[in-house]
All heavy atoms as atom14 arrays in JSON, in Angstrom:
{
  "sequence": "PISYNDLEPYYGLAEQWYLAHGEAGIDPTEPPRSTPYPFPPVPHDPYM",
  "atom14_mask": [
    [1, 1, 1, 1, 1, 1, 1, 0, 0, 0, 0, 0, 0, 0],
    [1, 1, 1, 1, 1, 1, 1, 1, 0, 0, 0, 0, 0, 0],
    [1, 1, 1, 1, 1, 1, 0, 0, 0, 0, 0, 0, 0, 0],
    [1, 1, 1, 1, 1, 1, 1, 1, 1, 1, 1, 1, 0, 0],
    [1, 1, 1, 1, 1, 1, 1, 1, 0, 0, 0, 0, 0, 0],
    [1, 1, 1, 1, 1, 1, 1, 1, 0, 0, 0, 0, 0, 0],
    [1, 1, 1, 1, 1, 1, 1, 1, 0, 0, 0, 0, 0, 0],
    [1, 1, 1, 1, 1, 1, 1, 1, 1, 0, 0, 0, 0, 0],
    [1, 1, 1, 1, 1, 1, 1, 0, 0, 0, 0, 0, 0, 0],
    [1, 1, 1, 1, 1, 1, 1, 1, 1, 1, 1, 1, 0, 0],
    [1, 1, 1, 1, 1, 1, 1, 1, 1, 1, 1, 1, 0, 0],
    [1, 1, 1, 1, 0, 0, 0, 0, 0, 0, 0, 0, 0, 0],
    [1, 1, 1, 1, 1, 1, 1, 1, 0, 0, 0, 0, 0, 0],
    [1, 1, 1, 1, 1, 0, 0, 0, 0, 0, 0, 0, 0, 0],
    [1, 1, 1, 1, 1, 1, 1, 1, 1, 0, 0, 0, 0, 0],
    [1, 1, 1, 1, 1, 1, 1, 1, 1, 0, 0, 0, 0, 0],
    [1, 1, 1, 1, 1, 1, 1, 1, 1, 1, 1, 1, 1, 1],
    [1, 1, 1, 1, 1, 1, 1, 1, 1, 1, 1, 1, 0, 0],
    [1, 1, 1, 1, 1, 1, 1, 1, 0, 0, 0, 0, 0, 0],
    [1, 1, 1, 1, 1, 0, 0, 0, 0, 0, 0, 0, 0, 0],
    [1, 1, 1, 1, 1, 1, 1, 1, 1, 1, 0, 0, 0, 0],
    [1, 1, 1, 1, 0, 0, 0, 0, 0, 0, 0, 0, 0, 0],
    [1, 1, 1, 1, 1, 1, 1, 1, 1, 0, 0, 0, 0, 0],
    [1, 1, 1, 1, 1, 0, 0, 0, 0, 0, 0, 0, 0, 0],
    [1, 1, 1, 1, 0, 0, 0, 0, 0, 0, 0, 0, 0, 0],
    [1, 1, 1, 1, 1, 1, 1, 1, 0, 0, 0, 0, 0, 0],
    [1, 1, 1, 1, 1, 1, 1, 1, 0, 0, 0, 0, 0, 0],
    [1, 1, 1, 1, 1, 1, 1, 0, 0, 0, 0, 0, 0, 0],
    [1, 1, 1, 1, 1, 1, 1, 0, 0, 0, 0, 0, 0, 0],
    [1, 1, 1, 1, 1, 1, 1, 1, 1, 0, 0, 0, 0, 0],
    [1, 1, 1, 1, 1, 1, 1, 0, 0, 0, 0, 0, 0, 0],
    [1, 1, 1, 1, 1, 1, 1, 0, 0, 0, 0, 0, 0, 0],
    [1, 1, 1, 1, 1, 1, 1, 1, 1, 1, 1, 0, 0, 0],
    [1, 1, 1, 1, 1, 1, 0, 0, 0, 0, 0, 0, 0, 0],
    [1, 1, 1, 1, 1, 1, 1, 0, 0, 0, 0, 0, 0, 0],
    [1, 1, 1, 1, 1, 1, 1, 0, 0, 0, 0, 0, 0, 0],
    [1, 1, 1, 1, 1, 1, 1, 1, 1, 1, 1, 1, 0, 0],
    [1, 1, 1, 1, 1, 1, 1, 0, 0, 0, 0, 0, 0, 0],
    [1, 1, 1, 1, 1, 1, 1, 1, 1, 1, 1, 0, 0, 0],
    [1, 1, 1, 1, 1, 1, 1, 0, 0, 0, 0, 0, 0, 0],
    [1, 1, 1, 1, 1, 1, 1, 0, 0, 0, 0, 0, 0, 0],
    [1, 1, 1, 1, 1, 1, 1, 0, 0, 0, 0, 0, 0, 0],
    [1, 1, 1, 1, 1, 1, 1, 0, 0, 0, 0, 0, 0, 0],
    [1, 1, 1, 1, 1, 1, 1, 1, 1, 1, 0, 0, 0, 0],
    [1, 1, 1, 1, 1, 1, 1, 1, 0, 0, 0, 0, 0, 0],
    [1, 1, 1, 1, 1, 1, 1, 0, 0, 0, 0, 0, 0, 0],
    [1, 1, 1, 1, 1, 1, 1, 1, 1, 1, 1, 1, 0, 0],
    [1, 1, 1, 1, 1, 1, 1, 1, 0, 0, 0, 0, 0, 0]
  ],
  "atom14_positions": [
    [[-2.15, 16.36, -17.19], [-1.83, 17.77, -16.87], [-1.13, 17.72, -15.56], [-0.6, 18.8, -15.1], [-3.05, 18.51, -16.83], [-4.11, 17.52, -16.55], [-3.68, 16.28, -17.13], [0.0, 0.0, 0.0], [0.0, 0.0, 0.0], [0.0, 0.0, 0.0], [0.0, 0.0, 0.0], [0.0, 0.0, 0.0], [0.0, 0.0, 0.0], [0.0, 0.0, 0.0]],
    [[-0.98, 16.6, -14.76], [-0.33, 16.58, -13.51], [0.56, 15.34, -13.64], [0.5, 14.52, -14.44], [-1.24, 16.35, -12.33], [-2.17, 15.16, -12.49], [-2.15, 17.65, -12.21], [-3.01, 14.82, -11.38], [0.0, 0.0, 0.0], [0.0, 0.0, 0.0], [0.0, 0.0, 0.0], [0.0, 0.0, 0.0], [0.0, 0.0, 0.0], [0.0, 0.0, 0.0]],
    [[1.59, 15.37, -12.71], [2.59, 14.2, -12.61], [2.32, 13.29, -11.47], [1.52, 13.61, -10.56], [4.01, 14.79, -12.51], [4.19, 15.41, -11.29], [0.0, 0.0, 0.0], [0.0, 0.0, 0.0], [0.0, 0.0, 0.0], [0.0, 0.0, 0.0], [0.0, 0.0, 0.0], [0.0, 0.0, 0.0], [0.0, 0.0, 0.0], [0.0, 0.0, 0.0]],
    [[3.01, 12.18, -11.49], [2.96, 11.38, -10.27], [3.38, 11.94, -9.04], [2.77, 11.9, -7.96], [3.9, 10.05, -10.5], [4.02, 9.25, -9.29], [3.1, 8.33, -8.88], [5.21, 9.46, -8.47], [3.24, 7.61, -7.7], [5.36, 8.74, -7.33], [4.41, 7.84, -6.98], [4.5, 7.12, -5.65], [0.0, 0.0, 0.0], [0.0, 0.0, 0.0]],
    [[4.39, 12.88, -9.07], [4.9, 13.6, -7.92], [3.79, 14.44, -7.27], [3.74, 14.7, -6.12], [6.16, 14.38, -8.27], [7.37, 13.46, -8.46], [7.39, 12.36, -7.85], [8.24, 13.97, -9.33], [0.0, 0.0, 0.0], [0.0, 0.0, 0.0], [0.0, 0.0, 0.0], [0.0, 0.0, 0.0], [0.0, 0.0, 0.0], [0.0, 0.0, 0.0]],
    [[2.97, 15.03, -8.18], [1.81, 15.89, -7.66], [0.89, 15.01, -6.77], [0.33, 15.53, -5.79], [0.99, 16.54, -8.81], [1.86, 17.5, -9.62], [2.65, 18.21, -8.96], [1.7, 17.55, -10.74], [0.0, 0.0, 0.0], [0.0, 0.0, 0.0], [0.0, 0.0, 0.0], [0.0, 0.0, 0.0], [0.0, 0.0, 0.0], [0.0, 0.0, 0.0]],
    [[0.67, 13.76, -7.13], [-0.31, 13.0, -6.44], [0.35, 12.15, -5.26], [-0.38, 11.57, -4.4], [-0.97, 11.97, -7.44], [-2.02, 12.57, -8.34], [-2.64, 11.4, -9.17], [-3.06, 13.24, -7.57], [0.0, 0.0, 0.0], [0.0, 0.0, 0.0], [0.0, 0.0, 0.0], [0.0, 0.0, 0.0], [0.0, 0.0, 0.0], [0.0, 0.0, 0.0]],
    [[1.63, 12.06, -5.29], [2.33, 11.13, -4.35], [1.9, 11.23, -2.88], [1.58, 10.28, -2.19], [3.8, 11.25, -4.45], [4.6, 10.06, -3.9], [4.74, 10.12, -2.41], [4.8, 11.27, -1.81], [4.74, 9.06, -1.71], [0.0, 0.0, 0.0], [0.0, 0.0, 0.0], [0.0, 0.0, 0.0], [0.0, 0.0, 0.0], [0.0, 0.0, 0.0]],
    [[1.87, 12.57, -2.39], [1.38, 12.62, -0.96], [-0.01, 12.12, -0.69], [-0.3, 11.56, 0.35], [1.49, 14.16, -0.67], [2.43, 14.71, -1.8], [2.19, 13.87, -2.91], [0.0, 0.0, 0.0], [0.0, 0.0, 0.0], [0.0, 0.0, 0.0], [0.0, 0.0, 0.0], [0.0, 0.0, 0.0], [0.0, 0.0, 0.0], [0.0, 0.0, 0.0]],
    [[-0.88, 12.22, -1.74], [-2.21, 11.83, -1.56], [-2.37, 10.33, -1.63], [-3.23, 9.72, -1.07], [-3.16, 12.52, -2.63], [-3.0, 14.02, -2.5], [-2.19, 14.83, -3.31], [-3.79, 14.69, -1.48], [-2.15, 16.11, -3.24], [-3.62, 16.02, -1.33], [-2.84, 16.77, -2.19], [-2.73, 18.12, -2.11], [0.0, 0.0, 0.0], [0.0, 0.0, 0.0]],
    [[-1.48, 9.64, -2.47], [-1.42, 8.2, -2.42], [-1.11, 7.72, -1.07], [-1.77, 6.79, -0.55], [-0.42, 7.68, -3.38], [-0.75, 7.61, -4.79], [-0.08, 8.17, -5.84], [-1.78, 6.66, -5.16], [-0.44, 7.99, -7.17], [-2.13, 6.44, -6.51], [-1.4, 7.07, -7.42], [-1.88, 6.95, -8.81], [0.0, 0.0, 0.0], [0.0, 0.0, 0.0]],
    [[-0.17, 8.38, -0.39], [0.16, 7.94, 1.03], [-0.98, 8.08, 1.99], [-1.24, 7.24, 2.78], [0.0, 0.0, 0.0], [0.0, 0.0, 0.0], [0.0, 0.0, 0.0], [0.0, 0.0, 0.0], [0.0, 0.0, 0.0], [0.0, 0.0, 0.0], [0.0, 0.0, 0.0], [0.0, 0.0, 0.0], [0.0, 0.0, 0.0], [0.0, 0.0, 0.0]],
    [[-1.79, 9.2, 1.84], [-2.94, 9.5, 2.7], [-3.99, 8.4, 2.42], [-4.61, 7.85, 3.31], [-3.41, 10.83, 2.46], [-4.71, 11.21, 3.31], [-4.4, 11.14, 4.81], [-5.13, 12.62, 2.83], [0.0, 0.0, 0.0], [0.0, 0.0, 0.0], [0.0, 0.0, 0.0], [0.0, 0.0, 0.0], [0.0, 0.0, 0.0], [0.0, 0.0, 0.0]],
    [[-4.18, 8.14, 1.14], [-5.28, 7.15, 0.75], [-4.83, 5.72, 1.28], [-5.67, 4.99, 1.68], [-5.39, 7.13, -0.81], [0.0, 0.0, 0.0], [0.0, 0.0, 0.0], [0.0, 0.0, 0.0], [0.0, 0.0, 0.0], [0.0, 0.0, 0.0], [0.0, 0.0, 0.0], [0.0, 0.0, 0.0], [0.0, 0.0, 0.0], [0.0, 0.0, 0.0]],
    [[-3.66, 5.3, 1.25], [-3.18, 4.19, 1.76], [-3.47, 3.97, 3.3], [-3.84, 3.0, 3.81], [-1.67, 3.86, 1.49], [-1.45, 3.53, 0.02], [0.07, 3.61, -0.35], [0.79, 4.05, 0.5], [0.35, 3.17, -1.4], [0.0, 0.0, 0.0], [0.0, 0.0, 0.0], [0.0, 0.0, 0.0], [0.0, 0.0, 0.0], [0.0, 0.0, 0.0]],
    [[-3.34, 5.1, 4.01], [-3.68, 5.14, 5.42], [-5.12, 4.88, 5.65], [-5.6, 4.09, 6.42], [-3.22, 6.42, 6.07], [-1.68, 6.57, 6.08], [-1.31, 7.89, 6.77], [-2.03, 8.4, 7.61], [-0.23, 8.49, 6.25], [0.0, 0.0, 0.0], [0.0, 0.0, 0.0], [0.0, 0.0, 0.0], [0.0, 0.0, 0.0], [0.0, 0.0, 0.0]],
    [[-5.95, 5.61, 4.85], [-7.39, 5.65, 5.05], [-8.02, 4.26, 4.67], [-8.85, 3.75, 5.3], [-8.07, 6.66, 4.16], [-7.9, 8.11, 4.6], [-7.3, 8.45, 5.8], [-8.42, 9.37, 4.08], [-7.29, 9.84, 5.99], [-8.05, 10.42, 4.97], [-9.21, 9.6, 2.98], [-8.37, 11.65, 4.72], [-9.55, 10.85, 2.79], [-9.13, 11.83, 3.58]],
    [[-7.38, 3.62, 3.65], [-7.92, 2.38, 3.15], [-7.05, 1.13, 3.61], [-7.07, 0.07, 2.95], [-7.9, 2.37, 1.64], [-9.13, 3.22, 1.09], [-9.1, 4.63, 0.97], [-10.4, 2.55, 0.79], [-10.18, 5.24, 0.57], [-11.46, 3.27, 0.44], [-11.47, 4.61, 0.31], [-12.51, 5.3, -0.09], [0.0, 0.0, 0.0], [0.0, 0.0, 0.0]],
    [[-6.3, 1.3, 4.7], [-5.73, 0.24, 5.38], [-4.77, -0.65, 4.59], [-4.84, -1.88, 4.61], [-6.82, -0.62, 6.02], [-7.92, 0.13, 6.83], [-8.94, -0.88, 7.37], [-7.31, 0.95, 7.97], [0.0, 0.0, 0.0], [0.0, 0.0, 0.0], [0.0, 0.0, 0.0], [0.0, 0.0, 0.0], [0.0, 0.0, 0.0], [0.0, 0.0, 0.0]],
    [[-3.93, 0.0, 3.75], [-3.17, -0.76, 2.82], [-2.11, -1.58, 3.45], [-1.34, -1.15, 4.35], [-2.51, 0.22, 1.82], [0.0, 0.0, 0.0], [0.0, 0.0, 0.0], [0.0, 0.0, 0.0], [0.0, 0.0, 0.0], [0.0, 0.0, 0.0], [0.0, 0.0, 0.0], [0.0, 0.0, 0.0], [0.0, 0.0, 0.0], [0.0, 0.0, 0.0]],
    [[-2.0, -2.9, 3.07], [-0.94, -3.78, 3.57], [0.01, -4.08, 2.41], [-0.45, -4.47, 1.33], [-1.57, -5.17, 4.06], [-2.5, -5.01, 5.24], [-3.65, -4.31, 5.24], [-2.29, -5.56, 6.38], [-4.15, -4.41, 6.41], [-3.49, -5.22, 7.14], [0.0, 0.0, 0.0], [0.0, 0.0, 0.0], [0.0, 0.0, 0.0], [0.0, 0.0, 0.0]],
    [[1.24, -3.85, 2.56], [2.21, -4.16, 1.49], [3.57, -4.02, 1.93], [3.88, -3.78, 3.13], [0.0, 0.0, 0.0], [0.0, 0.0, 0.0], [0.0, 0.0, 0.0], [0.0, 0.0, 0.0], [0.0, 0.0, 0.0], [0.0, 0.0, 0.0], [0.0, 0.0, 0.0], [0.0, 0.0, 0.0], [0.0, 0.0, 0.0], [0.0, 0.0, 0.0]],
    [[4.5, -4.21, 0.97], [5.99, -4.14, 1.21], [6.55, -3.37, 0.14], [6.48, -3.76, -1.05], [6.54, -5.49, 1.49], [8.04, -5.44, 1.84], [8.54, -6.84, 2.06], [7.88, -7.8, 1.86], [9.73, -6.96, 2.5], [0.0, 0.0, 0.0], [0.0, 0.0, 0.0], [0.0, 0.0, 0.0], [0.0, 0.0, 0.0], [0.0, 0.0, 0.0]],
    [[7.29, -2.33, 0.47], [7.95, -1.51, -0.64], [9.3, -2.09, -0.98], [9.82, -2.67, -0.17], [7.99, -0.02, -0.23], [0.0, 0.0, 0.0], [0.0, 0.0, 0.0], [0.0, 0.0, 0.0], [0.0, 0.0, 0.0], [0.0, 0.0, 0.0], [0.0, 0.0, 0.0], [0.0, 0.0, 0.0], [0.0, 0.0, 0.0], [0.0, 0.0, 0.0]],
    [[9.77, -1.66, -2.19], [11.15, -1.86, -2.54], [11.43, -3.25, -3.22], [12.6, -3.64, -3.35], [0.0, 0.0, 0.0], [0.0, 0.0, 0.0], [0.0, 0.0, 0.0], [0.0, 0.0, 0.0], [0.0, 0.0, 0.0], [0.0, 0.0, 0.0], [0.0, 0.0, 0.0], [0.0, 0.0, 0.0], [0.0, 0.0, 0.0], [0.0, 0.0, 0.0]],
    [[10.36, -3.99, -3.51], [10.55, -5.3, -4.23], [10.26, -5.21, -5.72], [10.96, -5.67, -6.54], [9.74, -6.39, -3.55], [10.18, -6.48, -2.06], [9.92, -7.69, -4.27], [9.36, -7.45, -1.25], [0.0, 0.0, 0.0], [0.0, 0.0, 0.0], [0.0, 0.0, 0.0], [0.0, 0.0, 0.0], [0.0, 0.0, 0.0], [0.0, 0.0, 0.0]],
    [[9.11, -4.6, -5.98], [8.7, -4.46, -7.43], [9.6, -3.49, -8.16], [9.77, -2.29, -7.74], [7.16, -3.97, -7.38], [6.71, -3.57, -8.83], [7.35, -4.13, -9.8], [5.83, -2.75, -8.88], [0.0, 0.0, 0.0], [0.0, 0.0, 0.0], [0.0, 0.0, 0.0], [0.0, 0.0, 0.0], [0.0, 0.0, 0.0], [0.0, 0.0, 0.0]],
    [[10.26, -3.9, -9.25], [11.22, -3.06, -9.92], [10.59, -1.8, -10.58], [11.23, -0.85, -10.86], [11.91, -3.99, -10.91], [10.9, -5.06, -11.15], [10.18, -5.22, -9.84], [0.0, 0.0, 0.0], [0.0, 0.0, 0.0], [0.0, 0.0, 0.0], [0.0, 0.0, 0.0], [0.0, 0.0, 0.0], [0.0, 0.0, 0.0], [0.0, 0.0, 0.0]],
    [[9.25, -1.86, -10.81], [8.62, -0.75, -11.47], [7.95, 0.19, -10.44], [7.35, 1.22, -10.82], [7.53, -1.23, -12.38], [6.35, -1.67, -11.63], [7.96, -2.29, -13.27], [0.0, 0.0, 0.0], [0.0, 0.0, 0.0], [0.0, 0.0, 0.0], [0.0, 0.0, 0.0], [0.0, 0.0, 0.0], [0.0, 0.0, 0.0], [0.0, 0.0, 0.0]],
    [[8.05, -0.11, -9.19], [7.41, 0.79, -8.14], [7.95, 2.19, -8.14], [9.14, 2.48, -8.18], [7.71, 0.13, -6.8], [6.94, 0.82, -5.65], [7.21, 0.2, -4.28], [8.4, -0.1, -3.99], [6.27, 0.04, -3.56], [0.0, 0.0, 0.0], [0.0, 0.0, 0.0], [0.0, 0.0, 0.0], [0.0, 0.0, 0.0], [0.0, 0.0, 0.0]],
    [[7.09, 3.2, -8.18], [7.43, 4.57, -8.16], [7.97, 4.93, -6.77], [7.74, 4.22, -5.83], [6.18, 5.36, -8.37], [5.11, 4.51, -7.93], [5.54, 2.98, -8.09], [0.0, 0.0, 0.0], [0.0, 0.0, 0.0], [0.0, 0.0, 0.0], [0.0, 0.0, 0.0], [0.0, 0.0, 0.0], [0.0, 0.0, 0.0], [0.0, 0.0, 0.0]],
    [[8.72, 6.08, -6.54], [9.12, 6.56, -5.34], [7.99, 6.96, -4.44], [6.97, 7.25, -4.91], [9.95, 7.74, -5.63], [9.48, 8.29, -6.99], [9.04, 6.97, -7.72], [0.0, 0.0, 0.0], [0.0, 0.0, 0.0], [0.0, 0.0, 0.0], [0.0, 0.0, 0.0], [0.0, 0.0, 0.0], [0.0, 0.0, 0.0], [0.0, 0.0, 0.0]],
    [[8.24, 6.68, -3.14], [7.17, 7.0, -2.07], [7.81, 7.63, -0.94], [8.91, 7.41, -0.51], [6.44, 5.74, -1.79], [7.36, 4.51, -1.24], [6.55, 3.24, -1.15], [5.43, 3.37, -0.31], [4.3, 2.96, -0.53], [3.99, 2.39, -1.71], [3.29, 3.11, 0.37], [0.0, 0.0, 0.0], [0.0, 0.0, 0.0], [0.0, 0.0, 0.0]],
    [[7.07, 8.52, -0.31], [7.54, 9.31, 0.9], [7.11, 8.64, 2.16], [7.61, 9.06, 3.17], [7.05, 10.74, 0.85], [5.67, 10.83, 0.81], [0.0, 0.0, 0.0], [0.0, 0.0, 0.0], [0.0, 0.0, 0.0], [0.0, 0.0, 0.0], [0.0, 0.0, 0.0], [0.0, 0.0, 0.0], [0.0, 0.0, 0.0], [0.0, 0.0, 0.0]],
    [[6.21, 7.63, 2.13], [5.7, 7.08, 3.4], [5.65, 5.57, 3.16], [5.45, 5.06, 2.07], [4.29, 7.56, 3.73], [3.41, 7.35, 2.64], [4.32, 9.08, 4.1], [0.0, 0.0, 0.0], [0.0, 0.0, 0.0], [0.0, 0.0, 0.0], [0.0, 0.0, 0.0], [0.0, 0.0, 0.0], [0.0, 0.0, 0.0], [0.0, 0.0, 0.0]],
    [[5.86, 4.7, 4.22], [5.84, 3.33, 4.05], [4.3, 2.82, 4.05], [3.4, 3.65, 4.32], [6.48, 2.78, 5.33], [6.31, 3.86, 6.38], [6.27, 5.16, 5.56], [0.0, 0.0, 0.0], [0.0, 0.0, 0.0], [0.0, 0.0, 0.0], [0.0, 0.0, 0.0], [0.0, 0.0, 0.0], [0.0, 0.0, 0.0], [0.0, 0.0, 0.0]],
    [[4.11, 1.59, 3.73], [2.76, 1.1, 3.85], [2.35, 1.07, 5.35], [3.14, 0.76, 6.21], [2.65, -0.39, 3.34], [2.67, -0.5, 1.84], [3.75, -0.81, 1.07], [1.48, -0.25, 1.19], [3.71, -0.88, -0.28], [1.39, -0.3, -0.25], [2.43, -0.68, -0.97], [2.43, -0.74, -2.28], [0.0, 0.0, 0.0], [0.0, 0.0, 0.0]],
    [[1.13, 1.4, 5.64], [0.64, 1.46, 6.99], [0.76, 0.02, 7.67], [0.92, 0.02, 8.94], [-0.82, 1.91, 6.89], [-1.08, 2.49, 5.59], [-0.04, 1.85, 4.73], [0.0, 0.0, 0.0], [0.0, 0.0, 0.0], [0.0, 0.0, 0.0], [0.0, 0.0, 0.0], [0.0, 0.0, 0.0], [0.0, 0.0, 0.0], [0.0, 0.0, 0.0]],
    [[0.56, -0.95, 6.94], [0.53, -2.35, 7.53], [1.45, -3.27, 6.65], [1.55, -3.07, 5.47], [-0.84, -2.87, 7.65], [-1.77, -2.04, 8.43], [-2.65, -1.14, 7.77], [-1.91, -2.26, 9.79], [-3.55, -0.33, 8.53], [-2.73, -1.5, 10.62], [-3.57, -0.52, 9.96], [0.0, 0.0, 0.0], [0.0, 0.0, 0.0], [0.0, 0.0, 0.0]],
    [[1.95, -4.34, 7.32], [2.78, -5.3, 6.66], [1.92, -6.08, 5.66], [0.72, -6.1, 5.81], [3.3, -6.16, 7.74], [2.32, -6.07, 8.88], [1.87, -4.68, 8.8], [0.0, 0.0, 0.0], [0.0, 0.0, 0.0], [0.0, 0.0, 0.0], [0.0, 0.0, 0.0], [0.0, 0.0, 0.0], [0.0, 0.0, 0.0], [0.0, 0.0, 0.0]],
    [[2.5, -6.81, 4.66], [1.71, -7.6, 3.75], [0.9, -8.61, 4.28], [1.26, -9.19, 5.37], [2.72, -8.15, 2.75], [4.03, -8.03, 3.52], [3.93, -6.89, 4.41], [0.0, 0.0, 0.0], [0.0, 0.0, 0.0], [0.0, 0.0, 0.0], [0.0, 0.0, 0.0], [0.0, 0.0, 0.0], [0.0, 0.0, 0.0], [0.0, 0.0, 0.0]],
    [[-0.21, -8.98, 3.73], [-1.07, -10.16, 4.17], [-0.23, -11.33, 3.81], [0.25, -11.55, 2.69], [-2.4, -10.02, 3.41], [-3.14, -11.42, 3.71], [-3.2, -8.9, 3.79], [0.0, 0.0, 0.0], [0.0, 0.0, 0.0], [0.0, 0.0, 0.0], [0.0, 0.0, 0.0], [0.0, 0.0, 0.0], [0.0, 0.0, 0.0], [0.0, 0.0, 0.0]],
    [[-0.11, -12.32, 4.73], [0.78, -13.42, 4.49], [0.24, -14.33, 3.32], [-1.1, -14.38, 3.12], [0.58, -14.25, 5.86], [0.23, -13.24, 6.81], [-0.59, -12.23, 6.15], [0.0, 0.0, 0.0], [0.0, 0.0, 0.0], [0.0, 0.0, 0.0], [0.0, 0.0, 0.0], [0.0, 0.0, 0.0], [0.0, 0.0, 0.0], [0.0, 0.0, 0.0]],
    [[1.19, -14.93, 2.65], [0.8, -15.89, 1.49], [0.46, -17.16, 2.09], [1.05, -17.74, 2.96], [1.99, -16.01, 0.58], [2.46, -14.76, -0.08], [1.6, -13.79, -0.6], [3.65, -14.2, -0.09], [2.36, -12.74, -0.95], [3.61, -12.94, -0.76], [0.0, 0.0, 0.0], [0.0, 0.0, 0.0], [0.0, 0.0, 0.0], [0.0, 0.0, 0.0]],
    [[-0.53, -17.84, 1.54], [-0.8, -19.22, 1.79], [0.3, -20.04, 1.16], [0.99, -19.6, 0.24], [-2.14, -19.66, 1.18], [-3.39, -19.11, 1.92], [-3.15, -18.82, 3.17], [-4.48, -18.96, 1.39], [0.0, 0.0, 0.0], [0.0, 0.0, 0.0], [0.0, 0.0, 0.0], [0.0, 0.0, 0.0], [0.0, 0.0, 0.0], [0.0, 0.0, 0.0]],
    [[0.51, -21.27, 1.66], [1.74, -22.05, 1.17], [1.81, -22.25, -0.23], [2.95, -22.12, -0.83], [1.51, -23.4, 1.96], [0.8, -23.07, 3.14], [-0.14, -21.92, 2.78], [0.0, 0.0, 0.0], [0.0, 0.0, 0.0], [0.0, 0.0, 0.0], [0.0, 0.0, 0.0], [0.0, 0.0, 0.0], [0.0, 0.0, 0.0], [0.0, 0.0, 0.0]],
    [[0.74, -22.47, -0.94], [0.84, -22.74, -2.36], [1.28, -21.51, -3.08], [2.05, -21.47, -4.01], [-0.55, -23.1, -2.9], [-0.5, -23.64, -4.33], [-0.42, -25.05, -4.6], [-0.5, -22.73, -5.4], [-0.41, -25.46, -5.92], [-0.47, -23.22, -6.68], [-0.45, -24.62, -6.98], [-0.4, -24.97, -8.28], [0.0, 0.0, 0.0], [0.0, 0.0, 0.0]],
    [[0.76, -20.22, -2.63], [1.09, -19.03, -3.25], [2.59, -18.63, -2.93], [3.35, -18.04, -3.76], [0.16, -17.91, -2.81], [-1.31, -18.17, -3.17], [-1.56, -18.5, -4.91], [-0.99, -16.9, -5.64], [0.0, 0.0, 0.0], [0.0, 0.0, 0.0], [0.0, 0.0, 0.0], [0.0, 0.0, 0.0], [0.0, 0.0, 0.0], [0.0, 0.0, 0.0]]
  ]
}
């Protein structure tokens, strides 16, 4: 009964509260977002 756009601001708030590390704009299925990730992505180990 609601859309992604209805929840989008709250996703951004939850990412702040839960210390989300990530990088936007790479995943082709990623939905639009109004705020960046609060922290940069966790570095990959060499094998990964």
